[in-house]
Amino acid sequence: MDTAELKAILEALLFAAPGPVRLEQLALAAEVTPGQLAPLIAELGEEYRRTGRGFLLVELAEGYQLRTRPEHAEIVRRLHSSRPVRMSRAALETLAIIAYRQPVTRAEIDYLRGVDSGGVVKSLLDKRLVRIVGKKDIPGRPLLYGTSREFLEFFGLRALSDLPTLKEFTELTKESESLLFDFEAGLEDGTP
């Protein structure tokens, strides 16, 4: 199979995929080795960036996905006319605790937040941003929670290691502090 045909197959697989696809899955479907596909994925990604098409090839959630360019997000949103996903401050706080402390029990989340988090955890489970990863080996065997692949996809992360460190949070610049305050004000008044 020549390179042009393999690139076309790769594009078709990425276009048809409902979410991020791992390199191994792409190679299995195309009946080639992952080593043969890796340079082609890099070429396609660069080609899409260079040509200014309406989409990009993005690596996230330990896979690859075709995604709309950020500058076209508002126009695409108008087509789908759906409301953007909104999360309460409690949901974001709980999600951050789970992301940074996983695996974590609900009792540990409640302790860190200082309030009952049962409803918030259920909401995050329903949105598939959080998943049950097991049970803790202590009396009562409470459930352990961790983030899901959908969490990585939702926040545009390749892996959990892409999350900012706590030190990076403390080193916010004036501009990022302003953006953070604007974001928090939007959460409070219901605007995105």
C-alpha atoms as a PDB file:
ATOM      1  CA  MET A   1       0.000   0.000   0.000  1.00  0.00           C
ATOM      2  CA  ASP A   2       1.478   3.359  -0.987  1.00  0.00           C
ATOM      3  CA  THR A   3       1.753   6.398   1.298  1.00  0.00           C
ATOM      4  CA  ALA A   4      -1.012   8.422  -0.386  1.00  0.00           C
ATOM      5  CA  GLU A   5      -3.487   5.545  -0.066  1.00  0.00           C
ATOM      6  CA  LEU A   6      -2.506   4.952   3.573  1.00  0.00           C
ATOM      7  CA  LYS A   7      -2.983   8.668   4.353  1.00  0.00           C
ATOM      8  CA  ALA A   8      -6.441   8.546   2.739  1.00  0.00           C
ATOM      9  CA  ILE A   9      -7.357   5.488   4.842  1.00  0.00           C
ATOM     10  CA  LEU A  10      -6.067   7.231   7.954  1.00  0.00           C
ATOM     11  CA  GLU A  11      -8.183  10.320   7.191  1.00  0.00           C
ATOM     12  CA  ALA A  12     -11.265   8.146   6.641  1.00  0.00           C
ATOM     13  CA  LEU A  13     -10.737   6.353   9.962  1.00  0.00           C
ATOM     14  CA  LEU A  14     -10.236   9.602  11.864  1.00  0.00           C
ATOM     15  CA  PHE A  15     -13.241  11.217  10.194  1.00  0.00           C
ATOM     16  CA  ALA A  16     -15.533   8.284  11.008  1.00  0.00           C
ATOM     17  CA  ALA A  17     -14.378   7.872  14.609  1.00  0.00           C
ATOM     18  CA  PRO A  18     -16.779   9.141  17.298  1.00  0.00           C
ATOM     19  CA  GLY A  19     -13.913  10.188  19.571  1.00  0.00           C
ATOM     20  CA  PRO A  20     -10.135  10.015  19.949  1.00  0.00           C
ATOM     21  CA  VAL A  21      -8.621   6.871  18.434  1.00  0.00           C
ATOM     22  CA  ARG A  22      -5.418   5.289  19.698  1.00  0.00           C
ATOM     23  CA  LEU A  23      -2.552   4.729  17.262  1.00  0.00           C
ATOM     24  CA  GLU A  24      -2.755   0.965  17.845  1.00  0.00           C
ATOM     25  CA  GLN A  25      -6.465   0.946  16.919  1.00  0.00           C
ATOM     26  CA  LEU A  26      -5.775   2.894  13.724  1.00  0.00           C
ATOM     27  CA  ALA A  27      -2.945   0.521  12.790  1.00  0.00           C
ATOM     28  CA  LEU A  28      -5.113  -2.537  13.445  1.00  0.00           C
ATOM     29  CA  ALA A  29      -7.945  -1.181  11.282  1.00  0.00           C
ATOM     30  CA  ALA A  30      -5.543  -0.200   8.451  1.00  0.00           C
ATOM     31  CA  GLU A  31      -3.696  -3.532   8.771  1.00  0.00           C
ATOM     32  CA  VAL A  32      -0.295  -1.887   9.195  1.00  0.00           C
ATOM     33  CA  THR A  33       2.090  -1.391  12.093  1.00  0.00           C
ATOM     34  CA  PRO A  34       1.866   1.616  14.419  1.00  0.00           C
ATOM     35  CA  GLY A  35       5.386   2.545  13.313  1.00  0.00           C
ATOM     36  CA  GLN A  36       4.141   2.994   9.754  1.00  0.00           C
ATOM     37  CA  LEU A  37       1.308   5.300  10.835  1.00  0.00           C
ATOM     38  CA  ALA A  38       3.146   7.550  13.312  1.00  0.00           C
ATOM     39  CA  PRO A  39       5.009   9.613  10.666  1.00  0.00           C
ATOM     40  CA  LEU A  40       1.859   9.843   8.522  1.00  0.00           C
ATOM     41  CA  ILE A  41      -0.135  11.220  11.453  1.00  0.00           C
ATOM     42  CA  ALA A  42       2.552  13.835  12.018  1.00  0.00           C
ATOM     43  CA  GLU A  43       2.459  14.737   8.292  1.00  0.00           C
ATOM     44  CA  LEU A  44      -1.323  15.030   8.278  1.00  0.00           C
ATOM     45  CA  GLY A  45      -1.291  17.185  11.411  1.00  0.00           C
ATOM     46  CA  GLU A  46       1.262  19.533   9.903  1.00  0.00           C
ATOM     47  CA  GLU A  47      -0.583  19.618   6.569  1.00  0.00           C
ATOM     48  CA  TYR A  48      -3.852  20.610   8.274  1.00  0.00           C
ATOM     49  CA  ARG A  49      -2.118  23.349  10.297  1.00  0.00           C
ATOM     50  CA  ARG A  50      -0.317  24.718   7.235  1.00  0.00           C
ATOM     51  CA  THR A  51      -3.221  24.718   4.775  1.00  0.00           C
ATOM     52  CA  GLY A  52      -5.663  26.530   7.045  1.00  0.00           C
ATOM     53  CA  ARG A  53      -8.458  23.977   6.715  1.00  0.00           C
ATOM     54  CA  GLY A  54     -11.424  24.241   9.063  1.00  0.00           C
ATOM     55  CA  PHE A  55     -10.143  21.422  11.256  1.00  0.00           C
ATOM     56  CA  LEU A  56      -6.996  20.196  12.963  1.00  0.00           C
ATOM     57  CA  LEU A  57      -5.612  16.791  13.878  1.00  0.00           C
ATOM     58  CA  VAL A  58      -5.275  16.879  17.658  1.00  0.00           C
ATOM     59  CA  GLU A  59      -3.643  14.409  20.035  1.00  0.00           C
ATOM     60  CA  LEU A  60      -5.764  14.007  23.163  1.00  0.00           C
ATOM     61  CA  ALA A  61      -7.039  11.355  25.558  1.00  0.00           C
ATOM     62  CA  GLU A  62      -4.177   9.087  24.465  1.00  0.00           C
ATOM     63  CA  GLY A  63      -5.442   9.130  20.879  1.00  0.00           C
ATOM     64  CA  TYR A  64      -5.976  11.282  17.796  1.00  0.00           C
ATOM     65  CA  GLN A  65      -9.066  13.158  16.656  1.00  0.00           C
ATOM     66  CA  LEU A  66     -10.090  15.606  13.955  1.00  0.00           C
ATOM     67  CA  ARG A  67     -11.381  18.746  15.673  1.00  0.00           C
ATOM     68  CA  THR A  68     -12.775  22.068  14.522  1.00  0.00           C
ATOM     69  CA  ARG A  69     -10.372  24.978  14.645  1.00  0.00           C
ATOM     70  CA  PRO A  70     -10.983  27.044  17.808  1.00  0.00           C
ATOM     71  CA  GLU A  71     -11.585  30.219  15.799  1.00  0.00           C
ATOM     72  CA  HIS A  72     -14.613  28.555  14.131  1.00  0.00           C
ATOM     73  CA  ALA A  73     -16.189  27.309  17.368  1.00  0.00           C
ATOM     74  CA  GLU A  74     -18.893  29.982  17.531  1.00  0.00           C
ATOM     75  CA  ILE A  75     -20.028  29.343  13.957  1.00  0.00           C
ATOM     76  CA  VAL A  76     -20.166  25.575  14.523  1.00  0.00           C
ATOM     77  CA  ARG A  77     -22.065  26.129  17.779  1.00  0.00           C
ATOM     78  CA  ARG A  78     -24.713  28.061  15.822  1.00  0.00           C
ATOM     79  CA  LEU A  79     -25.177  25.062  13.525  1.00  0.00           C
ATOM     80  CA  HIS A  80     -25.804  22.709  16.417  1.00  0.00           C
ATOM     81  CA  SER A  81     -27.677  25.317  18.455  1.00  0.00           C
ATOM     82  CA  SER A  82     -27.022  23.416  21.657  1.00  0.00           C
ATOM     83  CA  ARG A  83     -26.229  25.037  24.935  1.00  0.00           C
ATOM     84  CA  PRO A  84     -22.587  24.849  25.979  1.00  0.00           C
ATOM     85  CA  VAL A  85     -21.801  22.590  28.899  1.00  0.00           C
ATOM     86  CA  ARG A  86     -21.841  24.550  32.125  1.00  0.00           C
ATOM     87  CA  MET A  87     -20.526  23.381  35.425  1.00  0.00           C
ATOM     88  CA  SER A  88     -21.111  24.855  38.819  1.00  0.00           C
ATOM     89  CA  ARG A  89     -18.279  25.951  41.037  1.00  0.00           C
ATOM     90  CA  ALA A  90     -18.975  22.883  43.225  1.00  0.00           C
ATOM     91  CA  ALA A  91     -18.661  20.577  40.192  1.00  0.00           C
ATOM     92  CA  LEU A  92     -15.379  22.178  39.093  1.00  0.00           C
ATOM     93  CA  GLU A  93     -14.034  22.028  42.645  1.00  0.00           C
ATOM     94  CA  THR A  94     -14.977  18.349  42.998  1.00  0.00           C
ATOM     95  CA  LEU A  95     -13.590  17.514  39.570  1.00  0.00           C
ATOM     96  CA  ALA A  96     -10.290  19.192  40.452  1.00  0.00           C
ATOM     97  CA  ILE A  97     -10.051  17.193  43.685  1.00  0.00           C
ATOM     98  CA  ILE A  98     -10.699  13.953  41.828  1.00  0.00           C
ATOM     99  CA  ALA A  99      -8.255  14.829  39.032  1.00  0.00           C
ATOM    100  CA  TYR A 100      -5.391  15.724  41.360  1.00  0.00           C
ATOM    101  CA  ARG A 101      -6.005  13.199  44.155  1.00  0.00           C
ATOM    102  CA  GLN A 102      -7.246  10.138  42.265  1.00  0.00           C
ATOM    103  CA  PRO A 103      -8.095   7.516  43.215  1.00  0.00           C
ATOM    104  CA  VAL A 104     -10.158   9.200  45.916  1.00  0.00           C
ATOM    105  CA  THR A 105     -13.220   8.245  47.984  1.00  0.00           C
ATOM    106  CA  ARG A 106     -16.292  10.405  48.398  1.00  0.00           C
ATOM    107  CA  ALA A 107     -15.510  10.792  52.109  1.00  0.00           C
ATOM    108  CA  GLU A 108     -12.106  12.248  51.199  1.00  0.00           C
ATOM    109  CA  ILE A 109     -13.758  14.626  48.728  1.00  0.00           C
ATOM    110  CA  ASP A 110     -16.302  15.683  51.379  1.00  0.00           C
ATOM    111  CA  TYR A 111     -13.493  16.261  53.890  1.00  0.00           C
ATOM    112  CA  LEU A 112     -11.515  18.454  51.486  1.00  0.00           C
ATOM    113  CA  ARG A 113     -14.564  20.448  50.365  1.00  0.00           C
ATOM    114  CA  GLY A 114     -16.141  20.638  53.830  1.00  0.00           C
ATOM    115  CA  VAL A 115     -19.602  19.767  52.471  1.00  0.00           C
ATOM    116  CA  ASP A 116     -21.486  16.712  51.193  1.00  0.00           C
ATOM    117  CA  SER A 117     -20.477  16.024  47.586  1.00  0.00           C
ATOM    118  CA  GLY A 118     -22.791  13.120  46.780  1.00  0.00           C
ATOM    119  CA  GLY A 119     -24.965  14.995  44.301  1.00  0.00           C
ATOM    120  CA  VAL A 120     -22.010  16.624  42.586  1.00  0.00           C
ATOM    121  CA  VAL A 121     -20.170  13.293  42.218  1.00  0.00           C
ATOM    122  CA  LYS A 122     -23.324  11.703  40.766  1.00  0.00           C
ATOM    123  CA  SER A 123     -23.632  14.583  38.289  1.00  0.00           C
ATOM    124  CA  LEU A 124     -19.996  14.123  37.210  1.00  0.00           C
ATOM    125  CA  LEU A 125     -20.585  10.370  36.843  1.00  0.00           C
ATOM    126  CA  ASP A 126     -23.665  11.075  34.693  1.00  0.00           C
ATOM    127  CA  LYS A 127     -21.607  13.414  32.477  1.00  0.00           C
ATOM    128  CA  ARG A 128     -18.990  10.631  32.256  1.00  0.00           C
ATOM    129  CA  LEU A 129     -16.189  12.975  33.369  1.00  0.00           C
ATOM    130  CA  VAL A 130     -15.561  10.747  36.391  1.00  0.00           C
ATOM    131  CA  ARG A 131     -15.643   6.982  36.721  1.00  0.00           C
ATOM    132  CA  ILE A 132     -15.504   4.410  39.492  1.00  0.00           C
ATOM    133  CA  VAL A 133     -12.025   2.896  39.488  1.00  0.00           C
ATOM    134  CA  GLY A 134     -12.403   0.387  42.311  1.00  0.00           C
ATOM    135  CA  LYS A 135     -13.005   0.020  46.021  1.00  0.00           C
ATOM    136  CA  LYS A 136     -10.672   1.046  48.822  1.00  0.00           C
ATOM    137  CA  ASP A 137      -9.395  -1.792  50.976  1.00  0.00           C
ATOM    138  CA  ILE A 138     -10.692  -0.455  54.289  1.00  0.00           C
ATOM    139  CA  PRO A 139     -13.794  -1.298  56.337  1.00  0.00           C
ATOM    140  CA  GLY A 140     -16.933  -0.487  54.387  1.00  0.00           C
ATOM    141  CA  ARG A 141     -15.017  -0.733  51.076  1.00  0.00           C
ATOM    142  CA  PRO A 142     -15.923   2.752  49.775  1.00  0.00           C
ATOM    143  CA  LEU A 143     -15.853   3.408  46.041  1.00  0.00           C
ATOM    144  CA  LEU A 144     -12.782   5.051  44.537  1.00  0.00           C
ATOM    145  CA  TYR A 145     -13.256   7.715  41.883  1.00  0.00           C
ATOM    146  CA  GLY A 146     -10.947   8.804  39.087  1.00  0.00           C
ATOM    147  CA  THR A 147     -11.185  10.765  35.864  1.00  0.00           C
ATOM    148  CA  SER A 148     -12.283   9.188  32.592  1.00  0.00           C
ATOM    149  CA  ARG A 149     -11.103   9.375  28.985  1.00  0.00           C
ATOM    150  CA  GLU A 150     -14.025  11.756  28.420  1.00  0.00           C
ATOM    151  CA  PHE A 151     -12.460  14.066  31.036  1.00  0.00           C
ATOM    152  CA  LEU A 152      -9.247  14.179  28.998  1.00  0.00           C
ATOM    153  CA  GLU A 153     -11.198  14.760  25.796  1.00  0.00           C
ATOM    154  CA  PHE A 154     -13.418  17.456  27.342  1.00  0.00           C
ATOM    155  CA  PHE A 155     -10.437  19.456  28.607  1.00  0.00           C
ATOM    156  CA  GLY A 156      -8.264  18.778  25.541  1.00  0.00           C
ATOM    157  CA  LEU A 157      -5.585  16.856  27.426  1.00  0.00           C
ATOM    158  CA  ARG A 158      -3.409  14.044  26.084  1.00  0.00           C
ATOM    159  CA  ALA A 159      -2.829  12.591  29.554  1.00  0.00           C
ATOM    160  CA  LEU A 160      -3.238  13.551  33.208  1.00  0.00           C
ATOM    161  CA  SER A 161       0.381  14.682  33.223  1.00  0.00           C
ATOM    162  CA  ASP A 162      -0.737  17.631  31.036  1.00  0.00           C
ATOM    163  CA  LEU A 163      -2.700  19.076  33.972  1.00  0.00           C
ATOM    164  CA  PRO A 164      -1.039  22.186  35.384  1.00  0.00           C
ATOM    165  CA  THR A 165       0.868  21.647  38.595  1.00  0.00           C
ATOM    166  CA  LEU A 166      -0.129  23.389  41.801  1.00  0.00           C
ATOM    167  CA  LYS A 167       3.049  25.465  41.516  1.00  0.00           C
ATOM    168  CA  GLU A 168       1.898  26.716  38.109  1.00  0.00           C
ATOM    169  CA  PHE A 169      -1.376  27.838  39.689  1.00  0.00           C
ATOM    170  CA  THR A 170       0.485  29.927  42.257  1.00  0.00           C
ATOM    171  CA  GLU A 171       2.566  31.575  39.530  1.00  0.00           C
ATOM    172  CA  LEU A 172      -0.394  33.165  37.741  1.00  0.00           C
ATOM    173  CA  THR A 173       0.487  36.259  35.777  1.00  0.00           C
ATOM    174  CA  LYS A 174      -1.605  39.431  36.004  1.00  0.00           C
ATOM    175  CA  GLU A 175      -3.239  38.586  32.668  1.00  0.00           C
ATOM    176  CA  SER A 176      -4.174  35.032  33.698  1.00  0.00           C
ATOM    177  CA  GLU A 177      -5.459  36.291  37.066  1.00  0.00           C
ATOM    178  CA  SER A 178      -7.718  38.694  35.171  1.00  0.00           C
ATOM    179  CA  LEU A 179      -8.964  35.863  32.936  1.00  0.00           C
ATOM    180  CA  LEU A 180      -9.599  33.692  35.987  1.00  0.00           C
ATOM    181  CA  PHE A 181     -11.618  36.430  37.722  1.00  0.00           C
ATOM    182  CA  ASP A 182     -13.645  37.026  34.524  1.00  0.00           C
ATOM    183  CA  PHE A 183     -14.308  33.270  34.238  1.00  0.00           C
ATOM    184  CA  GLU A 184     -15.430  33.012  37.866  1.00  0.00           C
ATOM    185  CA  ALA A 185     -17.684  36.060  37.442  1.00  0.00           C
ATOM    186  CA  GLY A 186     -19.241  34.379  34.402  1.00  0.00           C
ATOM    187  CA  LEU A 187     -19.928  31.236  36.426  1.00  0.00           C
ATOM    188  CA  GLU A 188     -21.698  33.253  39.070  1.00  0.00           C
ATOM    189  CA  ASP A 189     -23.956  35.182  36.697  1.00  0.00           C
ATOM    190  CA  GLY A 190     -24.612  32.197  34.380  1.00  0.00           C
ATOM    191  CA  THR A 191     -22.718  33.382  31.293  1.00  0.00           C
ATOM    192  CA  PRO A 192     -20.076  31.132  29.697  1.00  0.00           C
END
